[in-house]
Amino acid sequence: MVSLVEHEHEHGYLGHKDDHLKRLRRIEGQTRGLQRMVEEEKYCIDILTQVSAVTSALQSFSIQLLEEHMNHCVVDAARAGDAEAREKVTEAIAAINRLVRS
């Protein structure tokens, strides 16, 4: 369920939305390439190399999105007040933990 606060708040990534979508489409193409490689029975190491490239691209995208979140959403929450700031920092820490574990 999306909170009312999220609807009123402009997300930090919106300033780069077109760039992000372009990047995600490129990653989608890489993923489709992986499917083709398996269909065409390519060499395992070549597939793993492509998996590594897709993983790296997703990690890079995640870091950029996290940076934008920290610079926009977390900073705005810090300005708004203590409880909201703590909530946004807790969310960011949880996101960082998920990224580190993946």
PDB file of N, CA and C in Angstrom:
ATOM      1  N   MET A   1       0.839  -1.179   0.000  1.00  0.00           N
ATOM      2  CA  MET A   1       0.000   0.000   0.000  1.00  0.00           C
ATOM      3  C   MET A   1       0.884   1.242   0.000  1.00  0.00           C
ATOM      4  N   VAL A   2       0.604   2.189  -0.860  1.00  0.00           N
ATOM      5  CA  VAL A   2       1.394   3.411  -0.990  1.00  0.00           C
ATOM      6  C   VAL A   2       0.816   4.466  -0.063  1.00  0.00           C
ATOM      7  N   SER A   3       1.677   5.104   0.707  1.00  0.00           N
ATOM      8  CA  SER A   3       1.197   6.110   1.644  1.00  0.00           C
ATOM      9  C   SER A   3       0.884   7.414   0.921  1.00  0.00           C
ATOM     10  N   LEU A   4       0.076   8.236   1.558  1.00  0.00           N
ATOM     11  CA  LEU A   4      -0.295   9.536   1.017  1.00  0.00           C
ATOM     12  C   LEU A   4       0.938  10.405   0.809  1.00  0.00           C
ATOM     13  N   VAL A   5       1.920  10.277   1.696  1.00  0.00           N
ATOM     14  CA  VAL A   5       3.138  11.082   1.598  1.00  0.00           C
ATOM     15  C   VAL A   5       3.845  10.819   0.275  1.00  0.00           C
ATOM     16  N   GLU A   6       3.841   9.564  -0.181  1.00  0.00           N
ATOM     17  CA  GLU A   6       4.523   9.241  -1.433  1.00  0.00           C
ATOM     18  C   GLU A   6       3.851   9.914  -2.619  1.00  0.00           C
ATOM     19  N   HIS A   7       2.537  10.072  -2.589  1.00  0.00           N
ATOM     20  CA  HIS A   7       1.835  10.716  -3.689  1.00  0.00           C
ATOM     21  C   HIS A   7       2.126  12.210  -3.744  1.00  0.00           C
ATOM     22  N   GLU A   8       2.345  12.840  -2.615  1.00  0.00           N
ATOM     23  CA  GLU A   8       2.586  14.273  -2.556  1.00  0.00           C
ATOM     24  C   GLU A   8       4.042  14.615  -2.834  1.00  0.00           C
ATOM     25  N   HIS A   9       4.917  13.659  -2.719  1.00  0.00           N
ATOM     26  CA  HIS A   9       6.357  13.869  -2.815  1.00  0.00           C
ATOM     27  C   HIS A   9       6.844  13.548  -4.221  1.00  0.00           C
ATOM     28  N   GLU A  10       7.627  14.441  -4.797  1.00  0.00           N
ATOM     29  CA  GLU A  10       8.222  14.156  -6.102  1.00  0.00           C
ATOM     30  C   GLU A  10       9.492  13.344  -5.890  1.00  0.00           C
ATOM     31  N   HIS A  11       9.583  12.220  -6.550  1.00  0.00           N
ATOM     32  CA  HIS A  11      10.715  11.323  -6.375  1.00  0.00           C
ATOM     33  C   HIS A  11      11.997  11.927  -6.956  1.00  0.00           C
ATOM     34  N   GLY A  12      13.106  11.668  -6.298  1.00  0.00           N
ATOM     35  CA  GLY A  12      14.389  12.237  -6.678  1.00  0.00           C
ATOM     36  C   GLY A  12      14.877  11.831  -8.059  1.00  0.00           C
ATOM     37  N   TYR A  13      14.459  10.681  -8.541  1.00  0.00           N
ATOM     38  CA  TYR A  13      14.944  10.194  -9.838  1.00  0.00           C
ATOM     39  C   TYR A  13      14.232  10.833 -11.025  1.00  0.00           C
ATOM     40  N   LEU A  14      13.140  11.571 -10.780  1.00  0.00           N
ATOM     41  CA  LEU A  14      12.350  12.098 -11.888  1.00  0.00           C
ATOM     42  C   LEU A  14      13.136  13.051 -12.790  1.00  0.00           C
ATOM     43  N   GLY A  15      14.112  13.730 -12.239  1.00  0.00           N
ATOM     44  CA  GLY A  15      14.931  14.622 -13.043  1.00  0.00           C
ATOM     45  C   GLY A  15      15.767  13.893 -14.082  1.00  0.00           C
ATOM     46  N   HIS A  16      15.977  12.602 -13.865  1.00  0.00           N
ATOM     47  CA  HIS A  16      16.775  11.779 -14.786  1.00  0.00           C
ATOM     48  C   HIS A  16      15.966  10.591 -15.308  1.00  0.00           C
ATOM     49  N   LYS A  17      14.660  10.711 -15.276  1.00  0.00           N
ATOM     50  CA  LYS A  17      13.782   9.595 -15.635  1.00  0.00           C
ATOM     51  C   LYS A  17      14.102   9.020 -17.013  1.00  0.00           C
ATOM     52  N   ASP A  18      14.248   9.869 -18.019  1.00  0.00           N
ATOM     53  CA  ASP A  18      14.527   9.376 -19.376  1.00  0.00           C
ATOM     54  C   ASP A  18      15.847   8.615 -19.437  1.00  0.00           C
ATOM     55  N   ASP A  19      16.874   9.125 -18.748  1.00  0.00           N
ATOM     56  CA  ASP A  19      18.166   8.432 -18.704  1.00  0.00           C
ATOM     57  C   ASP A  19      18.028   7.072 -18.029  1.00  0.00           C
ATOM     58  N   HIS A  20      17.273   7.035 -16.931  1.00  0.00           N
ATOM     59  CA  HIS A  20      17.076   5.771 -16.223  1.00  0.00           C
ATOM     60  C   HIS A  20      16.327   4.767 -17.088  1.00  0.00           C
ATOM     61  N   LEU A  21      15.295   5.234 -17.776  1.00  0.00           N
ATOM     62  CA  LEU A  21      14.544   4.321 -18.637  1.00  0.00           C
ATOM     63  C   LEU A  21      15.408   3.790 -19.774  1.00  0.00           C
ATOM     64  N   LYS A  22      16.246   4.646 -20.333  1.00  0.00           N
ATOM     65  CA  LYS A  22      17.168   4.215 -21.386  1.00  0.00           C
ATOM     66  C   LYS A  22      18.108   3.125 -20.862  1.00  0.00           C
ATOM     67  N   ARG A  23      18.610   3.374 -19.672  1.00  0.00           N
ATOM     68  CA  ARG A  23      19.537   2.430 -19.050  1.00  0.00           C
ATOM     69  C   ARG A  23      18.846   1.094 -18.770  1.00  0.00           C
ATOM     70  N   LEU A  24      17.614   1.151 -18.256  1.00  0.00           N
ATOM     71  CA  LEU A  24      16.872  -0.077 -17.970  1.00  0.00           C
ATOM     72  C   LEU A  24      16.525  -0.837 -19.246  1.00  0.00           C
ATOM     73  N   ARG A  25      16.247  -0.125 -20.310  1.00  0.00           N
ATOM     74  CA  ARG A  25      15.985  -0.803 -21.600  1.00  0.00           C
ATOM     75  C   ARG A  25      17.241  -1.515 -22.107  1.00  0.00           C
ATOM     76  N   ARG A  26      18.385  -0.888 -21.884  1.00  0.00           N
ATOM     77  CA  ARG A  26      19.651  -1.516 -22.280  1.00  0.00           C
ATOM     78  C   ARG A  26      19.871  -2.796 -21.462  1.00  0.00           C
ATOM     79  N   ILE A  27      19.579  -2.739 -20.163  1.00  0.00           N
ATOM     80  CA  ILE A  27      19.707  -3.919 -19.300  1.00  0.00           C
ATOM     81  C   ILE A  27      18.722  -5.001 -19.732  1.00  0.00           C
ATOM     82  N   GLU A  28      17.521  -4.580 -20.093  1.00  0.00           N
ATOM     83  CA  GLU A  28      16.520  -5.530 -20.579  1.00  0.00           C
ATOM     84  C   GLU A  28      17.033  -6.234 -21.837  1.00  0.00           C
ATOM     85  N   GLY A  29      17.662  -5.485 -22.714  1.00  0.00           N
ATOM     86  CA  GLY A  29      18.242  -6.074 -23.922  1.00  0.00           C
ATOM     87  C   GLY A  29      19.346  -7.066 -23.590  1.00  0.00           C
ATOM     88  N   GLN A  30      20.158  -6.723 -22.595  1.00  0.00           N
ATOM     89  CA  GLN A  30      21.210  -7.653 -22.174  1.00  0.00           C
ATOM     90  C   GLN A  30      20.600  -8.945 -21.632  1.00  0.00           C
ATOM     91  N   THR A  31      19.511  -8.812 -20.897  1.00  0.00           N
ATOM     92  CA  THR A  31      18.846  -9.986 -20.336  1.00  0.00           C
ATOM     93  C   THR A  31      18.250 -10.850 -21.439  1.00  0.00           C
ATOM     94  N   ARG A  32      17.642 -10.210 -22.424  1.00  0.00           N
ATOM     95  CA  ARG A  32      17.127 -10.974 -23.577  1.00  0.00           C
ATOM     96  C   ARG A  32      18.284 -11.671 -24.300  1.00  0.00           C
ATOM     97  N   GLY A  33      19.431 -11.003 -24.350  1.00  0.00           N
ATOM     98  CA  GLY A  33      20.609 -11.618 -24.948  1.00  0.00           C
ATOM     99  C   GLY A  33      21.015 -12.896 -24.218  1.00  0.00           C
ATOM    100  N   LEU A  34      20.885 -12.871 -22.901  1.00  0.00           N
ATOM    101  CA  LEU A  34      21.167 -14.075 -22.109  1.00  0.00           C
ATOM    102  C   LEU A  34      20.221 -15.214 -22.507  1.00  0.00           C
ATOM    103  N   GLN A  35      18.955 -14.902 -22.672  1.00  0.00           N
ATOM    104  CA  GLN A  35      17.990 -15.922 -23.082  1.00  0.00           C
ATOM    105  C   GLN A  35      18.375 -16.518 -24.435  1.00  0.00           C
ATOM    106  N   ARG A  36      18.749 -15.635 -25.369  1.00  0.00           N
ATOM    107  CA  ARG A  36      19.168 -16.106 -26.701  1.00  0.00           C
ATOM    108  C   ARG A  36      20.397 -17.000 -26.594  1.00  0.00           C
ATOM    109  N   MET A  37      21.331 -16.608 -25.737  1.00  0.00           N
ATOM    110  CA  MET A  37      22.550 -17.405 -25.591  1.00  0.00           C
ATOM    111  C   MET A  37      22.236 -18.822 -25.117  1.00  0.00           C
ATOM    112  N   VAL A  38      21.299 -18.934 -24.185  1.00  0.00           N
ATOM    113  CA  VAL A  38      20.908 -20.261 -23.695  1.00  0.00           C
ATOM    114  C   VAL A  38      20.167 -21.018 -24.796  1.00  0.00           C
ATOM    115  N   GLU A  39      19.243 -20.339 -25.479  1.00  0.00           N
ATOM    116  CA  GLU A  39      18.521 -20.985 -26.584  1.00  0.00           C
ATOM    117  C   GLU A  39      19.484 -21.497 -27.642  1.00  0.00           C
ATOM    118  N   GLU A  40      20.532 -20.725 -27.912  1.00  0.00           N
ATOM    119  CA  GLU A  40      21.505 -21.080 -28.949  1.00  0.00           C
ATOM    120  C   GLU A  40      22.625 -21.976 -28.409  1.00  0.00           C
ATOM    121  N   GLU A  41      22.500 -22.362 -27.135  1.00  0.00           N
ATOM    122  CA  GLU A  41      23.440 -23.285 -26.489  1.00  0.00           C
ATOM    123  C   GLU A  41      24.882 -22.791 -26.544  1.00  0.00           C
ATOM    124  N   LYS A  42      25.058 -21.525 -26.216  1.00  0.00           N
ATOM    125  CA  LYS A  42      26.397 -20.933 -26.188  1.00  0.00           C
ATOM    126  C   LYS A  42      27.209 -21.514 -25.038  1.00  0.00           C
ATOM    127  N   TYR A  43      28.491 -21.272 -25.080  1.00  0.00           N
ATOM    128  CA  TYR A  43      29.444 -21.762 -24.078  1.00  0.00           C
ATOM    129  C   TYR A  43      29.137 -21.147 -22.709  1.00  0.00           C
ATOM    130  N   CYS A  44      29.165 -21.994 -21.669  1.00  0.00           N
ATOM    131  CA  CYS A  44      28.804 -21.579 -20.305  1.00  0.00           C
ATOM    132  C   CYS A  44      29.550 -20.332 -19.845  1.00  0.00           C
ATOM    133  N   ILE A  45      30.831 -20.283 -20.093  1.00  0.00           N
ATOM    134  CA  ILE A  45      31.641 -19.145 -19.629  1.00  0.00           C
ATOM    135  C   ILE A  45      31.209 -17.863 -20.323  1.00  0.00           C
ATOM    136  N   ASP A  46      30.837 -17.948 -21.581  1.00  0.00           N
ATOM    137  CA  ASP A  46      30.347 -16.769 -22.292  1.00  0.00           C
ATOM    138  C   ASP A  46      29.033 -16.275 -21.681  1.00  0.00           C
ATOM    139  N   ILE A  47      28.159 -17.205 -21.305  1.00  0.00           N
ATOM    140  CA  ILE A  47      26.901 -16.825 -20.655  1.00  0.00           C
ATOM    141  C   ILE A  47      27.184 -16.192 -19.299  1.00  0.00           C
ATOM    142  N   LEU A  48      28.077 -16.796 -18.542  1.00  0.00           N
ATOM    143  CA  LEU A  48      28.424 -16.241 -17.227  1.00  0.00           C
ATOM    144  C   LEU A  48      29.037 -14.853 -17.338  1.00  0.00           C
ATOM    145  N   THR A  49      29.802 -14.619 -18.374  1.00  0.00           N
ATOM    146  CA  THR A  49      30.370 -13.286 -18.605  1.00  0.00           C
ATOM    147  C   THR A  49      29.255 -12.278 -18.830  1.00  0.00           C
ATOM    148  N   GLN A  50      28.248 -12.669 -19.590  1.00  0.00           N
ATOM    149  CA  GLN A  50      27.109 -11.784 -19.837  1.00  0.00           C
ATOM    150  C   GLN A  50      26.296 -11.578 -18.557  1.00  0.00           C
ATOM    151  N   VAL A  51      26.133 -12.623 -17.748  1.00  0.00           N
ATOM    152  CA  VAL A  51      25.440 -12.492 -16.461  1.00  0.00           C
ATOM    153  C   VAL A  51      26.163 -11.469 -15.597  1.00  0.00           C
ATOM    154  N   SER A  52      27.472 -11.525 -15.592  1.00  0.00           N
ATOM    155  CA  SER A  52      28.273 -10.570 -14.823  1.00  0.00           C
ATOM    156  C   SER A  52      28.042  -9.139 -15.306  1.00  0.00           C
ATOM    157  N   ALA A  53      27.951  -8.958 -16.613  1.00  0.00           N
ATOM    158  CA  ALA A  53      27.714  -7.625 -17.175  1.00  0.00           C
ATOM    159  C   ALA A  53      26.336  -7.098 -16.773  1.00  0.00           C
ATOM    160  N   VAL A  54      25.312  -7.951 -16.803  1.00  0.00           N
ATOM    161  CA  VAL A  54      23.963  -7.549 -16.412  1.00  0.00           C
ATOM    162  C   VAL A  54      23.930  -7.219 -14.925  1.00  0.00           C
ATOM    163  N   THR A  55      24.564  -8.044 -14.122  1.00  0.00           N
ATOM    164  CA  THR A  55      24.615  -7.816 -12.679  1.00  0.00           C
ATOM    165  C   THR A  55      25.290  -6.488 -12.368  1.00  0.00           C
ATOM    166  N   SER A  56      26.393  -6.226 -13.029  1.00  0.00           N
ATOM    167  CA  SER A  56      27.112  -4.967 -12.834  1.00  0.00           C
ATOM    168  C   SER A  56      26.260  -3.768 -13.249  1.00  0.00           C
ATOM    169  N   ALA A  57      25.552  -3.894 -14.357  1.00  0.00           N
ATOM    170  CA  ALA A  57      24.689  -2.804 -14.826  1.00  0.00           C
ATOM    171  C   ALA A  57      23.564  -2.532 -13.829  1.00  0.00           C
ATOM    172  N   LEU A  58      22.963  -3.582 -13.287  1.00  0.00           N
ATOM    173  CA  LEU A  58      21.906  -3.402 -12.285  1.00  0.00           C
ATOM    174  C   LEU A  58      22.448  -2.794 -10.997  1.00  0.00           C
ATOM    175  N   GLN A  59      23.627  -3.217 -10.590  1.00  0.00           N
ATOM    176  CA  GLN A  59      24.228  -2.644  -9.386  1.00  0.00           C
ATOM    177  C   GLN A  59      24.528  -1.162  -9.580  1.00  0.00           C
ATOM    178  N   SER A  60      25.038  -0.814 -10.723  1.00  0.00           N
ATOM    179  CA  SER A  60      25.337   0.580 -11.028  1.00  0.00           C
ATOM    180  C   SER A  60      24.062   1.417 -11.022  1.00  0.00           C
ATOM    181  N   PHE A  61      23.002   0.900 -11.632  1.00  0.00           N
ATOM    182  CA  PHE A  61      21.713   1.586 -11.640  1.00  0.00           C
ATOM    183  C   PHE A  61      21.203   1.755 -10.211  1.00  0.00           C
ATOM    184  N   SER A  62      21.310   0.716  -9.412  1.00  0.00           N
ATOM    185  CA  SER A  62      20.842   0.765  -8.023  1.00  0.00           C
ATOM    186  C   SER A  62      21.583   1.820  -7.218  1.00  0.00           C
ATOM    187  N   ILE A  63      22.878   1.899  -7.396  1.00  0.00           N
ATOM    188  CA  ILE A  63      23.675   2.887  -6.667  1.00  0.00           C
ATOM    189  C   ILE A  63      23.273   4.300  -7.074  1.00  0.00           C
ATOM    190  N   GLN A  64      23.051   4.519  -8.368  1.00  0.00           N
ATOM    191  CA  GLN A  64      22.619   5.838  -8.831  1.00  0.00           C
ATOM    192  C   GLN A  64      21.263   6.210  -8.233  1.00  0.00           C
ATOM    193  N   LEU A  65      20.329   5.269  -8.238  1.00  0.00           N
ATOM    194  CA  LEU A  65      19.005   5.508  -7.688  1.00  0.00           C
ATOM    195  C   LEU A  65      19.081   5.774  -6.184  1.00  0.00           C
ATOM    196  N   LEU A  66      19.912   5.020  -5.492  1.00  0.00           N
ATOM    197  CA  LEU A  66      20.092   5.223  -4.052  1.00  0.00           C
ATOM    198  C   LEU A  66      20.686   6.600  -3.770  1.00  0.00           C
ATOM    199  N   GLU A  67      21.647   7.011  -4.569  1.00  0.00           N
ATOM    200  CA  GLU A  67      22.245   8.338  -4.406  1.00  0.00           C
ATOM    201  C   GLU A  67      21.193   9.432  -4.578  1.00  0.00           C
ATOM    202  N   GLU A  68      20.359   9.278  -5.593  1.00  0.00           N
ATOM    203  CA  GLU A  68      19.300  10.261  -5.814  1.00  0.00           C
ATOM    204  C   GLU A  68      18.301  10.257  -4.662  1.00  0.00           C
ATOM    205  N   HIS A  69      17.998   9.080  -4.140  1.00  0.00           N
ATOM    206  CA  HIS A  69      17.088   8.973  -3.000  1.00  0.00           C
ATOM    207  C   HIS A  69      17.671   9.690  -1.777  1.00  0.00           C
ATOM    208  N   MET A  70      18.931   9.455  -1.534  1.00  0.00           N
ATOM    209  CA  MET A  70      19.578  10.076  -0.367  1.00  0.00           C
ATOM    210  C   MET A  70      19.621  11.598  -0.527  1.00  0.00           C
ATOM    211  N   ASN A  71      19.992  12.062  -1.702  1.00  0.00           N
ATOM    212  CA  ASN A  71      20.123  13.504  -1.927  1.00  0.00           C
ATOM    213  C   ASN A  71      18.790  14.235  -1.998  1.00  0.00           C
ATOM    214  N   HIS A  72      17.736  13.532  -2.279  1.00  0.00           N
ATOM    215  CA  HIS A  72      16.441  14.190  -2.439  1.00  0.00           C
ATOM    216  C   HIS A  72      15.495  13.813  -1.303  1.00  0.00           C
ATOM    217  N   CYS A  73      15.076  12.563  -1.264  1.00  0.00           N
ATOM    218  CA  CYS A  73      14.049  12.133  -0.315  1.00  0.00           C
ATOM    219  C   CYS A  73      14.532  12.201   1.133  1.00  0.00           C
ATOM    220  N   VAL A  74      15.738  11.705   1.384  1.00  0.00           N
ATOM    221  CA  VAL A  74      16.243  11.695   2.758  1.00  0.00           C
ATOM    222  C   VAL A  74      16.551  13.121   3.221  1.00  0.00           C
ATOM    223  N   VAL A  75      17.138  13.920   2.356  1.00  0.00           N
ATOM    224  CA  VAL A  75      17.420  15.311   2.724  1.00  0.00           C
ATOM    225  C   VAL A  75      16.122  16.069   3.003  1.00  0.00           C
ATOM    226  N   ASP A  76      15.106  15.874   2.155  1.00  0.00           N
ATOM    227  CA  ASP A  76      13.814  16.525   2.389  1.00  0.00           C
ATOM    228  C   ASP A  76      13.202  16.075   3.710  1.00  0.00           C
ATOM    229  N   ALA A  77      13.298  14.794   4.009  1.00  0.00           N
ATOM    230  CA  ALA A  77      12.753  14.273   5.266  1.00  0.00           C
ATOM    231  C   ALA A  77      13.491  14.852   6.465  1.00  0.00           C
ATOM    232  N   ALA A  78      14.791  15.008   6.334  1.00  0.00           N
ATOM    233  CA  ALA A  78      15.576  15.589   7.430  1.00  0.00           C
ATOM    234  C   ALA A  78      15.130  17.021   7.696  1.00  0.00           C
ATOM    235  N   ARG A  79      14.813  17.738   6.650  1.00  0.00           N
ATOM    236  CA  ARG A  79      14.326  19.111   6.818  1.00  0.00           C
ATOM    237  C   ARG A  79      12.935  19.140   7.463  1.00  0.00           C
ATOM    238  N   ALA A  80      12.117  18.109   7.172  1.00  0.00           N
ATOM    239  CA  ALA A  80      10.738  18.075   7.658  1.00  0.00           C
ATOM    240  C   ALA A  80      10.649  17.783   9.148  1.00  0.00           C
ATOM    241  N   GLY A  81      11.563  16.990   9.650  1.00  0.00           N
ATOM    242  CA  GLY A  81      11.501  16.715  11.074  1.00  0.00           C
ATOM    243  C   GLY A  81      12.062  15.381  11.465  1.00  0.00           C
ATOM    244  N   ASP A  82      12.181  15.213  12.755  1.00  0.00           N
ATOM    245  CA  ASP A  82      12.869  14.086  13.358  1.00  0.00           C
ATOM    246  C   ASP A  82      12.273  12.725  12.987  1.00  0.00           C
ATOM    247  N   ALA A  83      10.967  12.542  13.176  1.00  0.00           N
ATOM    248  CA  ALA A  83      10.357  11.230  12.936  1.00  0.00           C
ATOM    249  C   ALA A  83      10.448  10.831  11.463  1.00  0.00           C
ATOM    250  N   GLU A  84      10.141  11.766  10.577  1.00  0.00           N
ATOM    251  CA  GLU A  84      10.207  11.477   9.141  1.00  0.00           C
ATOM    252  C   GLU A  84      11.646  11.203   8.715  1.00  0.00           C
ATOM    253  N   ALA A  85      12.583  11.948   9.261  1.00  0.00           N
ATOM    254  CA  ALA A  85      13.993  11.746   8.933  1.00  0.00           C
ATOM    255  C   ALA A  85      14.452  10.361   9.354  1.00  0.00           C
ATOM    256  N   ARG A  86      14.095   9.966  10.543  1.00  0.00           N
ATOM    257  CA  ARG A  86      14.492   8.626  11.024  1.00  0.00           C
ATOM    258  C   ARG A  86      13.895   7.534  10.140  1.00  0.00           C
ATOM    259  N   GLU A  87      12.637   7.728   9.735  1.00  0.00           N
ATOM    260  CA  GLU A  87      11.982   6.743   8.879  1.00  0.00           C
ATOM    261  C   GLU A  87      12.716   6.602   7.544  1.00  0.00           C
ATOM    262  N   LYS A  88      13.063   7.726   6.924  1.00  0.00           N
ATOM    263  CA  LYS A  88      13.752   7.690   5.623  1.00  0.00           C
ATOM    264  C   LYS A  88      15.157   7.112   5.748  1.00  0.00           C
ATOM    265  N   VAL A  89      15.847   7.425   6.825  1.00  0.00           N
ATOM    266  CA  VAL A  89      17.188   6.858   7.031  1.00  0.00           C
ATOM    267  C   VAL A  89      17.082   5.353   7.228  1.00  0.00           C
ATOM    268  N   THR A  90      16.083   4.915   7.997  1.00  0.00           N
ATOM    269  CA  THR A  90      15.878   3.480   8.216  1.00  0.00           C
ATOM    270  C   THR A  90      15.581   2.775   6.891  1.00  0.00           C
ATOM    271  N   GLU A  91      14.736   3.386   6.051  1.00  0.00           N
ATOM    272  CA  GLU A  91      14.452   2.823   4.721  1.00  0.00           C
ATOM    273  C   GLU A  91      15.720   2.717   3.883  1.00  0.00           C
ATOM    274  N   ALA A  92      16.520   3.776   3.908  1.00  0.00           N
ATOM    275  CA  ALA A  92      17.753   3.793   3.113  1.00  0.00           C
ATOM    276  C   ALA A  92      18.726   2.714   3.592  1.00  0.00           C
ATOM    277  N   ILE A  93      18.847   2.558   4.899  1.00  0.00           N
ATOM    278  CA  ILE A  93      19.740   1.527   5.445  1.00  0.00           C
ATOM    279  C   ILE A  93      19.265   0.140   5.024  1.00  0.00           C
ATOM    280  N   ALA A  94      17.957  -0.090   5.079  1.00  0.00           N
ATOM    281  CA  ALA A  94      17.421  -1.381   4.652  1.00  0.00           C
ATOM    282  C   ALA A  94      17.714  -1.621   3.166  1.00  0.00           C
ATOM    283  N   ALA A  95      17.566  -0.595   2.346  1.00  0.00           N
ATOM    284  CA  ALA A  95      17.857  -0.717   0.908  1.00  0.00           C
ATOM    285  C   ALA A  95      19.332  -1.028   0.681  1.00  0.00           C
ATOM    286  N   ILE A  96      20.196  -0.346   1.409  1.00  0.00           N
ATOM    287  CA  ILE A  96      21.647  -0.590   1.294  1.00  0.00           C
ATOM    288  C   ILE A  96      21.951  -2.033   1.694  1.00  0.00           C
ATOM    289  N   ASN A  97      21.349  -2.501   2.778  1.00  0.00           N
ATOM    290  CA  ASN A  97      21.572  -3.889   3.210  1.00  0.00           C
ATOM    291  C   ASN A  97      21.136  -4.878   2.141  1.00  0.00           C
ATOM    292  N   ARG A  98      19.997  -4.617   1.500  1.00  0.00           N
ATOM    293  CA  ARG A  98      19.546  -5.516   0.427  1.00  0.00           C
ATOM    294  C   ARG A  98      20.529  -5.513  -0.737  1.00  0.00           C
ATOM    295  N   LEU A  99      21.032  -4.330  -1.078  1.00  0.00           N
ATOM    296  CA  LEU A  99      21.977  -4.238  -2.205  1.00  0.00           C
ATOM    297  C   LEU A  99      23.279  -4.958  -1.889  1.00  0.00           C
ATOM    298  N   VAL A 100      23.749  -4.808  -0.669  1.00  0.00           N
ATOM    299  CA  VAL A 100      25.016  -5.442  -0.280  1.00  0.00           C
ATOM    300  C   VAL A 100      24.891  -6.961  -0.282  1.00  0.00           C
ATOM    301  N   ARG A 101      23.733  -7.464   0.102  1.00  0.00           N
ATOM    302  CA  ARG A 101      23.520  -8.908   0.164  1.00  0.00           C
ATOM    303  C   ARG A 101      23.280  -9.539  -1.201  1.00  0.00           C
ATOM    304  N   SER A 102      22.898  -8.726  -2.181  1.00  0.00           N
ATOM    305  CA  SER A 102      22.557  -9.297  -3.487  1.00  0.00           C
ATOM    306  C   SER A 102      23.775  -9.572  -4.334  1.00  0.00           C
TER     307      SER A 102
END
